[in-house]
Amino acid sequence: MSDTDPKHHRLRRSLADDIRAGRYPVGSRLPSEARLVALHGMSRPTVIRALNDLAREGLIERRKGSGSYVAGRDVRRREDRQLGLLIPGLGQTEIFERICGELAGLLRSHPFGLYWGGSEYPGHGGGLTLDQAREICDQFVERRVSGVFFAPFELIPHREEANRLIVERLRQAGIQVILIDRDLGPFPKRSDLDLVGLDNMAAGYLIAEHFLRLGCRRLAFVARPNSASTVDARIAGVREALARHGVDLPPSWICPGDPTDRKFVRRLMAGERWDVLICANDSTAAELMKTLQQEGYKVPRDIRVAGFDNVRYATLLGCPLTTIHQPCREIAAAALQAMLDRLADPGLPPRSQLLAPSLVIRESCGAYPEPGRRMAGGYPRS
């Protein structure tokens, strides 16, 4: 254990070692937070973070008003069989918080602990850096985790190379990797890893067809530069819908840029007369709607807007957002099953499990038959 490790990380490991060694038997109560502060010379917030990490891994149970107790399951087995989470976008994208939370809940009925890689970086709400991700990989190797759920980096230059280096580090240590949401490289290329996520091409088709049926013919797609391969798949789905409906658009319909940049938004609105702006995700849509408002545009009166993900705040915007729903619980369940299958038989061929999208219709699209109506689907059958 390095003296340079974060204090709460060192305390977590010390307590975990004591539990494994039997110093704290199953069902026994750990020292109180105040006692741990005195014993280890650490602040109360540091102690709380260490205990919360142990609770997330299933080693202890935190009982409000009573204290922390060693979990009643086979603790040593859980500690010896761990899975890891490496989600660089955790704290940036709400869907990852929901997927990870669902995974943690599902694993309570399995003989695995769950190590949240990145919990030792309290300021990583803006996303992990590459150096931090490499450190987490080293921790996974040191802890001998059995497998890692990995959501590859996006929005950074050379992200494909960085993602492959991370995966190679894990695989060299014999750690199985399940990709969440996206692949390592650009769409439509596929790596030789299991992938679980939304069918993003079908999602793009579904949302574009909705607007085409509303009579919109001038569709634009707004995304940040260096977006993930999922965004490329969504664009491909929109393109397929346009082709099937015989709509031909100029190359400028794909609009990369910063939705908070008022100059970018001015150029966007001053060029082609768009009917609708389909955004890469709800975060981009929310920021774009705010900038549009600053520029004097009203949604949906002057321009229609839509997104992807169906995050919590989509209904709280000034104009509630039409979007594609991410089935987070189903993604978590499929990812866990993929991991269990991979651990049981590492020789299985790589598999993709892409879940069907559903459309949530709200006011930002300019027309909807019922509040919050959800439509499932993807490509039309020929």
Foldseek 3Di string as FASTA:
>chain_A
DDPPQQPLVVVLVVVLVCDLVVVADAFRFDDALVVCCVVPVDDSVSPVLSLVQCVLQVQWDQDPPPHIGGHNDPNNQQQLAEEEEAEQQVLPDVLVVLLSVLLSVVCNPPSYTYGYQPSSPVPSSVGDDLVSLVVSLVVCLVSVYQEYEYAFDFPDPPSLVSRVVSVVSQVVSVYAYEYEAAASDAPPDHDQHAYFFAQLLQQLLVVLLVLVVVVFQFAAEEEEPRGTNSLVSSVNSNVVNCVVVVRDDPPCSYQYDQLQDLVSLCVVVVPDQGQEYEYAAVVSQLSNQVSCVVVPDDAPVRHAYAHEDPDPCQCVGPFRHKYKHTPSSVRSVVRVVVSVVCSVPVPDGHYYHHDWIKIFDTPRSPDDDDHRDIGTDGDDDD
